[in-house]
Amino acid sequence: MTRVRISLVILAVMLGTSIFFGILINGKCRNFIGRTENIWELYDSGDHEGAYEEARKFEKKWEDFRKYSSVIIDNEKLMEIDRLSARLIYLAEGESEELHSELMELRRMVEALKKSEIPVLESIF
């Protein structure tokens, strides 16, 4: 009977941890998606300096998120987003026309990351 109780406690801890990190990742990804929209709105309105500063904030927030998320999330999913977030600063600083396409690709990848971390029956069993 003791083994059953220990197993149930372990299962409950694993389930609770999974739910907690799923909610955390969902919220952070939503925040990153909003930041990509802010960068484009600033750039499109002609505030290139504001877009540059927002891109710097995005990269800083991403690096902070990356430190602990690499323990939870597969590293390959994060590497491409790392590459794109690093490019944003240089594209915004250089007032490049490629900024919009990079932002859209980054947004798509963050959305895919968000969707991949939401537990569904197919991914559990």
N, C-alpha and C. Protein backbone atom coordinates (compact mmCIF):
# COMPACT_ATOMS: atom_id res chain seq x y z
N MET A 1 0.81 -1.20 0.00
CA MET A 1 0.00 0.00 0.00
C MET A 1 0.86 1.27 0.00
N THR A 2 2.01 1.19 0.65
CA THR A 2 2.91 2.33 0.70
C THR A 2 3.43 2.68 -0.69
N ARG A 3 3.71 1.69 -1.50
CA ARG A 3 4.21 1.93 -2.86
C ARG A 3 3.16 2.64 -3.70
N VAL A 4 1.92 2.28 -3.51
CA VAL A 4 0.84 2.93 -4.26
C VAL A 4 0.76 4.40 -3.88
N ARG A 5 0.83 4.69 -2.60
CA ARG A 5 0.77 6.09 -2.14
C ARG A 5 1.95 6.90 -2.66
N ILE A 6 3.13 6.32 -2.59
CA ILE A 6 4.32 7.02 -3.10
C ILE A 6 4.19 7.25 -4.60
N SER A 7 3.70 6.26 -5.32
CA SER A 7 3.50 6.40 -6.76
C SER A 7 2.49 7.49 -7.08
N LEU A 8 1.41 7.55 -6.32
CA LEU A 8 0.40 8.59 -6.53
C LEU A 8 0.96 9.98 -6.22
N VAL A 9 1.78 10.09 -5.19
CA VAL A 9 2.40 11.38 -4.87
C VAL A 9 3.34 11.80 -5.99
N ILE A 10 4.14 10.88 -6.48
CA ILE A 10 5.05 11.19 -7.58
C ILE A 10 4.27 11.60 -8.82
N LEU A 11 3.22 10.89 -9.13
CA LEU A 11 2.38 11.23 -10.28
C LEU A 11 1.75 12.61 -10.11
N ALA A 12 1.27 12.91 -8.91
CA ALA A 12 0.66 14.22 -8.65
C ALA A 12 1.69 15.34 -8.78
N VAL A 13 2.89 15.13 -8.28
CA VAL A 13 3.95 16.13 -8.40
C VAL A 13 4.31 16.35 -9.87
N MET A 14 4.43 15.28 -10.62
CA MET A 14 4.76 15.40 -12.04
C MET A 14 3.65 16.13 -12.80
N LEU A 15 2.41 15.80 -12.50
CA LEU A 15 1.28 16.45 -13.15
C LEU A 15 1.22 17.93 -12.79
N GLY A 16 1.41 18.23 -11.52
CA GLY A 16 1.40 19.63 -11.08
C GLY A 16 2.52 20.44 -11.71
N THR A 17 3.70 19.87 -11.77
CA THR A 17 4.83 20.54 -12.39
C THR A 17 4.58 20.78 -13.87
N SER A 18 4.02 19.80 -14.53
CA SER A 18 3.71 19.92 -15.95
C SER A 18 2.70 21.03 -16.20
N ILE A 19 1.67 21.09 -15.40
CA ILE A 19 0.65 22.14 -15.54
C ILE A 19 1.25 23.51 -15.26
N PHE A 20 2.04 23.61 -14.20
CA PHE A 20 2.67 24.90 -13.85
C PHE A 20 3.54 25.41 -14.98
N PHE A 21 4.44 24.55 -15.48
CA PHE A 21 5.33 25.00 -16.55
C PHE A 21 4.59 25.22 -17.85
N GLY A 22 3.53 24.49 -18.11
CA GLY A 22 2.72 24.74 -19.30
C GLY A 22 2.09 26.12 -19.26
N ILE A 23 1.56 26.50 -18.11
CA ILE A 23 0.96 27.83 -17.96
C ILE A 23 2.03 28.91 -18.05
N LEU A 24 3.19 28.68 -17.42
CA LEU A 24 4.29 29.65 -17.47
C LEU A 24 4.77 29.86 -18.90
N ILE A 25 5.00 28.79 -19.62
CA ILE A 25 5.48 28.89 -21.00
C ILE A 25 4.43 29.56 -21.89
N ASN A 26 3.17 29.22 -21.69
CA ASN A 26 2.09 29.83 -22.45
C ASN A 26 2.07 31.35 -22.25
N GLY A 27 2.17 31.79 -21.02
CA GLY A 27 2.18 33.23 -20.73
C GLY A 27 3.39 33.94 -21.31
N LYS A 28 4.56 33.34 -21.18
CA LYS A 28 5.78 33.94 -21.72
C LYS A 28 5.72 34.03 -23.23
N CYS A 29 5.23 32.97 -23.88
CA CYS A 29 5.14 32.99 -25.34
C CYS A 29 4.15 34.06 -25.80
N ARG A 30 3.05 34.21 -25.10
CA ARG A 30 2.08 35.25 -25.42
C ARG A 30 2.73 36.63 -25.31
N ASN A 31 3.56 36.80 -24.29
CA ASN A 31 4.28 38.06 -24.10
C ASN A 31 5.26 38.31 -25.26
N PHE A 32 5.98 37.27 -25.68
CA PHE A 32 6.92 37.42 -26.80
C PHE A 32 6.21 37.75 -28.10
N ILE A 33 5.06 37.16 -28.32
CA ILE A 33 4.28 37.45 -29.52
C ILE A 33 3.85 38.92 -29.51
N GLY A 34 3.41 39.39 -28.37
CA GLY A 34 3.03 40.81 -28.24
C GLY A 34 4.21 41.74 -28.47
N ARG A 35 5.39 41.34 -28.02
CA ARG A 35 6.58 42.17 -28.23
C ARG A 35 6.95 42.24 -29.71
N THR A 36 6.77 41.15 -30.46
CA THR A 36 7.06 41.21 -31.89
C THR A 36 6.11 42.19 -32.58
N GLU A 37 4.86 42.20 -32.16
CA GLU A 37 3.90 43.16 -32.71
C GLU A 37 4.30 44.59 -32.37
N ASN A 38 4.76 44.81 -31.14
CA ASN A 38 5.19 46.15 -30.74
C ASN A 38 6.38 46.63 -31.57
N ILE A 39 7.32 45.73 -31.80
CA ILE A 39 8.50 46.11 -32.59
C ILE A 39 8.07 46.55 -33.98
N TRP A 40 7.18 45.79 -34.60
CA TRP A 40 6.76 46.14 -35.96
C TRP A 40 5.96 47.43 -35.97
N GLU A 41 5.08 47.62 -35.00
CA GLU A 41 4.29 48.85 -34.95
C GLU A 41 5.19 50.07 -34.79
N LEU A 42 6.19 49.98 -33.94
CA LEU A 42 7.12 51.10 -33.77
C LEU A 42 7.91 51.34 -35.05
N TYR A 43 8.41 50.29 -35.65
CA TYR A 43 9.19 50.43 -36.88
C TYR A 43 8.34 50.98 -38.01
N ASP A 44 7.13 50.48 -38.14
CA ASP A 44 6.24 50.90 -39.22
C ASP A 44 5.80 52.35 -39.06
N SER A 45 5.69 52.82 -37.83
CA SER A 45 5.29 54.20 -37.60
C SER A 45 6.44 55.18 -37.78
N GLY A 46 7.64 54.66 -38.01
CA GLY A 46 8.79 55.52 -38.24
C GLY A 46 9.68 55.70 -37.02
N ASP A 47 9.31 55.11 -35.90
CA ASP A 47 10.11 55.21 -34.68
C ASP A 47 11.14 54.08 -34.67
N HIS A 48 12.19 54.26 -35.47
CA HIS A 48 13.21 53.21 -35.61
C HIS A 48 14.01 53.03 -34.33
N GLU A 49 14.24 54.12 -33.61
CA GLU A 49 14.96 54.02 -32.34
C GLU A 49 14.14 53.25 -31.31
N GLY A 50 12.84 53.49 -31.28
CA GLY A 50 11.96 52.76 -30.38
C GLY A 50 11.90 51.28 -30.73
N ALA A 51 11.88 50.98 -32.03
CA ALA A 51 11.89 49.58 -32.47
C ALA A 51 13.19 48.91 -32.07
N TYR A 52 14.29 49.64 -32.18
CA TYR A 52 15.59 49.10 -31.78
C TYR A 52 15.61 48.79 -30.29
N GLU A 53 15.11 49.72 -29.48
CA GLU A 53 15.07 49.50 -28.02
C GLU A 53 14.15 48.34 -27.66
N GLU A 54 13.03 48.24 -28.33
CA GLU A 54 12.11 47.13 -28.07
C GLU A 54 12.73 45.80 -28.48
N ALA A 55 13.49 45.80 -29.57
CA ALA A 55 14.19 44.58 -30.00
C ALA A 55 15.25 44.18 -28.98
N ARG A 56 15.93 45.15 -28.40
CA ARG A 56 16.91 44.85 -27.35
C ARG A 56 16.22 44.26 -26.12
N LYS A 57 15.07 44.83 -25.76
CA LYS A 57 14.32 44.30 -24.62
C LYS A 57 13.84 42.88 -24.91
N PHE A 58 13.40 42.65 -26.16
CA PHE A 58 12.96 41.31 -26.55
C PHE A 58 14.09 40.31 -26.36
N GLU A 59 15.27 40.66 -26.86
CA GLU A 59 16.39 39.72 -26.77
C GLU A 59 16.78 39.48 -25.31
N LYS A 60 16.75 40.51 -24.50
CA LYS A 60 17.09 40.35 -23.07
C LYS A 60 16.08 39.44 -22.39
N LYS A 61 14.79 39.67 -22.63
CA LYS A 61 13.75 38.83 -22.04
C LYS A 61 13.87 37.39 -22.54
N TRP A 62 14.18 37.23 -23.82
CA TRP A 62 14.32 35.90 -24.37
C TRP A 62 15.49 35.16 -23.71
N GLU A 63 16.61 35.85 -23.53
CA GLU A 63 17.76 35.23 -22.88
C GLU A 63 17.43 34.82 -21.45
N ASP A 64 16.69 35.66 -20.73
CA ASP A 64 16.28 35.31 -19.38
C ASP A 64 15.37 34.08 -19.38
N PHE A 65 14.44 34.05 -20.32
CA PHE A 65 13.53 32.90 -20.45
C PHE A 65 14.30 31.65 -20.85
N ARG A 66 15.25 31.81 -21.71
CA ARG A 66 16.02 30.68 -22.25
C ARG A 66 16.82 29.97 -21.17
N LYS A 67 17.28 30.72 -20.16
CA LYS A 67 18.11 30.13 -19.11
C LYS A 67 17.40 29.00 -18.39
N TYR A 68 16.13 29.20 -18.07
CA TYR A 68 15.43 28.13 -17.35
C TYR A 68 14.57 27.26 -18.26
N SER A 69 14.21 27.75 -19.42
CA SER A 69 13.36 26.94 -20.29
C SER A 69 14.12 25.83 -20.99
N SER A 70 15.43 25.97 -21.11
CA SER A 70 16.20 24.91 -21.76
C SER A 70 16.19 23.62 -20.95
N VAL A 71 15.86 23.72 -19.67
CA VAL A 71 15.74 22.53 -18.84
C VAL A 71 14.43 21.80 -19.15
N ILE A 72 13.41 22.55 -19.52
CA ILE A 72 12.07 22.01 -19.72
C ILE A 72 11.80 21.67 -21.19
N ILE A 73 12.26 22.52 -22.08
CA ILE A 73 11.93 22.42 -23.50
C ILE A 73 13.13 21.88 -24.27
N ASP A 74 12.85 21.13 -25.32
CA ASP A 74 13.89 20.61 -26.19
C ASP A 74 14.73 21.76 -26.75
N ASN A 75 16.04 21.64 -26.64
CA ASN A 75 16.95 22.71 -27.02
C ASN A 75 16.87 23.07 -28.50
N GLU A 76 16.58 22.13 -29.36
CA GLU A 76 16.50 22.40 -30.80
C GLU A 76 15.38 23.39 -31.12
N LYS A 77 14.30 23.32 -30.36
CA LYS A 77 13.19 24.26 -30.57
C LYS A 77 13.60 25.68 -30.24
N LEU A 78 14.52 25.83 -29.31
CA LEU A 78 14.92 27.15 -28.84
C LEU A 78 16.04 27.77 -29.67
N MET A 79 16.84 26.95 -30.31
CA MET A 79 18.01 27.47 -31.03
C MET A 79 17.64 28.38 -32.19
N GLU A 80 16.63 28.03 -32.95
CA GLU A 80 16.23 28.86 -34.09
C GLU A 80 15.66 30.19 -33.62
N ILE A 81 14.91 30.15 -32.54
CA ILE A 81 14.38 31.40 -31.98
C ILE A 81 15.54 32.26 -31.47
N ASP A 82 16.57 31.65 -30.92
CA ASP A 82 17.77 32.38 -30.50
C ASP A 82 18.38 33.14 -31.67
N ARG A 83 18.51 32.44 -32.77
CA ARG A 83 19.14 33.05 -33.96
C ARG A 83 18.32 34.24 -34.46
N LEU A 84 17.00 34.05 -34.52
CA LEU A 84 16.14 35.13 -35.01
C LEU A 84 16.10 36.31 -34.05
N SER A 85 16.06 36.05 -32.76
CA SER A 85 15.99 37.16 -31.81
C SER A 85 17.29 37.97 -31.82
N ALA A 86 18.42 37.32 -32.06
CA ALA A 86 19.69 38.04 -32.15
C ALA A 86 19.73 38.92 -33.40
N ARG A 87 19.09 38.49 -34.46
CA ARG A 87 19.09 39.28 -35.71
C ARG A 87 18.21 40.51 -35.62
N LEU A 88 17.19 40.47 -34.77
CA LEU A 88 16.25 41.58 -34.70
C LEU A 88 16.92 42.91 -34.41
N ILE A 89 17.86 42.90 -33.48
CA ILE A 89 18.54 44.14 -33.10
C ILE A 89 19.25 44.75 -34.29
N TYR A 90 19.97 43.92 -35.03
CA TYR A 90 20.73 44.43 -36.17
C TYR A 90 19.82 44.89 -37.31
N LEU A 91 18.72 44.19 -37.50
CA LEU A 91 17.79 44.60 -38.55
C LEU A 91 17.09 45.91 -38.18
N ALA A 92 16.72 46.07 -36.92
CA ALA A 92 16.06 47.30 -36.49
C ALA A 92 17.05 48.46 -36.50
N GLU A 93 18.28 48.20 -36.10
CA GLU A 93 19.30 49.23 -36.07
C GLU A 93 19.65 49.71 -37.47
N GLY A 94 19.73 48.77 -38.42
CA GLY A 94 20.08 49.10 -39.79
C GLY A 94 18.90 49.51 -40.64
N GLU A 95 17.72 49.59 -40.02
CA GLU A 95 16.49 49.96 -40.72
C GLU A 95 16.29 49.10 -41.97
N SER A 96 16.44 47.81 -41.80
CA SER A 96 16.34 46.86 -42.90
C SER A 96 14.88 46.54 -43.21
N GLU A 97 14.61 46.32 -44.48
CA GLU A 97 13.27 45.93 -44.91
C GLU A 97 12.96 44.48 -44.57
N GLU A 98 13.97 43.70 -44.20
CA GLU A 98 13.77 42.31 -43.84
C GLU A 98 13.19 42.15 -42.45
N LEU A 99 13.09 43.23 -41.70
CA LEU A 99 12.62 43.16 -40.32
C LEU A 99 11.24 42.54 -40.22
N HIS A 100 10.34 42.94 -41.11
CA HIS A 100 8.97 42.42 -41.04
C HIS A 100 8.93 40.91 -41.26
N SER A 101 9.65 40.42 -42.25
CA SER A 101 9.63 38.98 -42.50
C SER A 101 10.28 38.21 -41.35
N GLU A 102 11.33 38.74 -40.76
CA GLU A 102 11.97 38.08 -39.62
C GLU A 102 11.03 38.08 -38.41
N LEU A 103 10.32 39.18 -38.20
CA LEU A 103 9.36 39.24 -37.09
C LEU A 103 8.23 38.24 -37.28
N MET A 104 7.75 38.11 -38.52
CA MET A 104 6.68 37.15 -38.78
C MET A 104 7.16 35.71 -38.58
N GLU A 105 8.38 35.43 -39.00
CA GLU A 105 8.93 34.09 -38.81
C GLU A 105 9.14 33.82 -37.32
N LEU A 106 9.64 34.81 -36.60
CA LEU A 106 9.85 34.67 -35.16
C LEU A 106 8.52 34.44 -34.45
N ARG A 107 7.53 35.20 -34.84
CA ARG A 107 6.20 35.04 -34.23
C ARG A 107 5.66 33.63 -34.50
N ARG A 108 5.80 33.14 -35.72
CA ARG A 108 5.32 31.81 -36.06
C ARG A 108 6.04 30.75 -35.24
N MET A 109 7.34 30.91 -35.04
CA MET A 109 8.10 29.93 -34.28
C MET A 109 7.74 29.95 -32.80
N VAL A 110 7.49 31.13 -32.25
CA VAL A 110 7.08 31.22 -30.84
C VAL A 110 5.68 30.61 -30.67
N GLU A 111 4.80 30.86 -31.64
CA GLU A 111 3.47 30.24 -31.58
C GLU A 111 3.57 28.71 -31.65
N ALA A 112 4.46 28.21 -32.50
CA ALA A 112 4.66 26.76 -32.60
C ALA A 112 5.23 26.20 -31.29
N LEU A 113 6.13 26.93 -30.67
CA LEU A 113 6.67 26.52 -29.38
C LEU A 113 5.57 26.47 -28.34
N LYS A 114 4.74 27.48 -28.33
CA LYS A 114 3.62 27.56 -27.38
C LYS A 114 2.67 26.38 -27.57
N LYS A 115 2.32 26.10 -28.82
CA LYS A 115 1.40 24.99 -29.09
C LYS A 115 2.02 23.63 -28.78
N SER A 116 3.31 23.51 -28.97
CA SER A 116 3.96 22.21 -28.73
C SER A 116 4.07 21.88 -27.25
N GLU A 117 3.98 22.89 -26.39
CA GLU A 117 4.12 22.65 -24.95
C GLU A 117 2.78 22.51 -24.24
N ILE A 118 1.69 22.68 -24.96
CA ILE A 118 0.36 22.48 -24.37
C ILE A 118 0.05 21.00 -24.39
N PRO A 119 -0.20 20.41 -23.22
CA PRO A 119 -0.45 18.97 -23.21
C PRO A 119 -1.81 18.62 -23.81
N VAL A 120 -1.79 17.70 -24.72
CA VAL A 120 -3.01 17.16 -25.32
C VAL A 120 -2.93 15.64 -25.21
N LEU A 121 -4.04 14.98 -25.37
CA LEU A 121 -4.06 13.52 -25.19
C LEU A 121 -3.07 12.81 -26.12
N GLU A 122 -2.94 13.31 -27.36
CA GLU A 122 -2.05 12.66 -28.32
C GLU A 122 -0.59 12.74 -27.87
N SER A 123 -0.21 13.83 -27.20
CA SER A 123 1.18 13.97 -26.78
C SER A 123 1.45 13.25 -25.46
N ILE A 124 0.42 12.95 -24.71
CA ILE A 124 0.61 12.27 -23.44
C ILE A 124 0.69 10.76 -23.65
N PHE A 125 -0.20 10.22 -24.48
CA PHE A 125 -0.23 8.78 -24.67
C PHE A 125 0.37 8.37 -25.97
